Amino acid sequence: MPKRNLLYGLMVVCFTMLIFTWIVRDTLCELHLKRGNTELTVMLACEVKR
């Protein structure tokens, strides 16, 4: 049972990240997350729109 719950939790996290990325896909070029000593930086190839 615990492995099944872990799998469901991982699926929910991945699905949430996909939905978030889809919602902000036109405005998201760089994302910084800091938590304690850990830093996560995500950069996407973005073109400047004029």
C-alpha atoms as a PDB file:
ATOM      1  CA  MET A   1       0.000   0.000   0.000  1.00  0.00           C
ATOM      2  CA  PRO A   2       2.697   2.628   0.802  1.00  0.00           C
ATOM      3  CA  LYS A   3       4.283   2.174  -2.642  1.00  0.00           C
ATOM      4  CA  ARG A   4       0.905   2.741  -4.277  1.00  0.00           C
ATOM      5  CA  ASN A   5       0.386   5.945  -2.264  1.00  0.00           C
ATOM      6  CA  LEU A   6       3.868   7.139  -3.250  1.00  0.00           C
ATOM      7  CA  LEU A   7       3.086   6.491  -6.904  1.00  0.00           C
ATOM      8  CA  TYR A   8      -0.209   8.394  -6.685  1.00  0.00           C
ATOM      9  CA  GLY A   9       1.523  11.295  -4.942  1.00  0.00           C
ATOM     10  CA  LEU A  10       4.200  11.437  -7.620  1.00  0.00           C
ATOM     11  CA  MET A  11       1.552  11.399 -10.334  1.00  0.00           C
ATOM     12  CA  VAL A  12      -0.299  14.286  -8.674  1.00  0.00           C
ATOM     13  CA  VAL A  13       2.909  16.353  -8.437  1.00  0.00           C
ATOM     14  CA  CYS A  14       3.785  15.727 -12.092  1.00  0.00           C
ATOM     15  CA  PHE A  15       0.259  16.507 -13.246  1.00  0.00           C
ATOM     16  CA  THR A  16       0.232  19.730 -11.207  1.00  0.00           C
ATOM     17  CA  MET A  17       3.547  20.833 -12.738  1.00  0.00           C
ATOM     18  CA  LEU A  18       2.269  20.116 -16.257  1.00  0.00           C
ATOM     19  CA  ILE A  19      -0.910  22.141 -15.674  1.00  0.00           C
ATOM     20  CA  PHE A  20       1.083  25.028 -14.141  1.00  0.00           C
ATOM     21  CA  THR A  21       3.473  25.064 -17.110  1.00  0.00           C
ATOM     22  CA  TRP A  22       0.567  24.999 -19.573  1.00  0.00           C
ATOM     23  CA  ILE A  23      -1.132  27.943 -17.824  1.00  0.00           C
ATOM     24  CA  VAL A  24       1.953  30.200 -17.761  1.00  0.00           C
ATOM     25  CA  ARG A  25       3.674  28.936 -20.928  1.00  0.00           C
ATOM     26  CA  ASP A  26       3.651  32.370 -22.592  1.00  0.00           C
ATOM     27  CA  THR A  27       5.069  34.258 -19.612  1.00  0.00           C
ATOM     28  CA  LEU A  28       7.388  31.781 -17.925  1.00  0.00           C
ATOM     29  CA  CYS A  29      11.026  32.093 -19.008  1.00  0.00           C
ATOM     30  CA  GLU A  30      12.841  31.626 -15.720  1.00  0.00           C
ATOM     31  CA  LEU A  31      11.874  30.208 -12.331  1.00  0.00           C
ATOM     32  CA  HIS A  32      13.925  30.298  -9.121  1.00  0.00           C
ATOM     33  CA  LEU A  33      12.997  28.306  -6.043  1.00  0.00           C
ATOM     34  CA  LYS A  34      15.049  28.518  -2.835  1.00  0.00           C
ATOM     35  CA  ARG A  35      14.492  26.401   0.238  1.00  0.00           C
ATOM     36  CA  GLY A  36      17.181  26.412   2.865  1.00  0.00           C
ATOM     37  CA  ASN A  37      20.466  25.441   1.236  1.00  0.00           C
ATOM     38  CA  THR A  38      18.777  24.088  -1.901  1.00  0.00           C
ATOM     39  CA  GLU A  39      18.205  26.225  -4.982  1.00  0.00           C
ATOM     40  CA  LEU A  40      16.332  25.104  -8.085  1.00  0.00           C
ATOM     41  CA  THR A  41      16.541  27.179 -11.262  1.00  0.00           C
ATOM     42  CA  VAL A  42      14.554  26.410 -14.389  1.00  0.00           C
ATOM     43  CA  MET A  43      15.245  28.334 -17.596  1.00  0.00           C
ATOM     44  CA  LEU A  44      13.313  27.977 -20.821  1.00  0.00           C
ATOM     45  CA  ALA A  45      14.295  29.209 -24.263  1.00  0.00           C
ATOM     46  CA  CYS A  46      12.210  32.364 -24.665  1.00  0.00           C
ATOM     47  CA  GLU A  47      12.032  34.866 -27.463  1.00  0.00           C
ATOM     48  CA  VAL A  48      11.356  38.510 -26.737  1.00  0.00           C
ATOM     49  CA  LYS A  49       7.935  39.489 -28.071  1.00  0.00           C
ATOM     50  CA  ARG A  50       7.499  43.043 -29.338  1.00  0.00           C
END
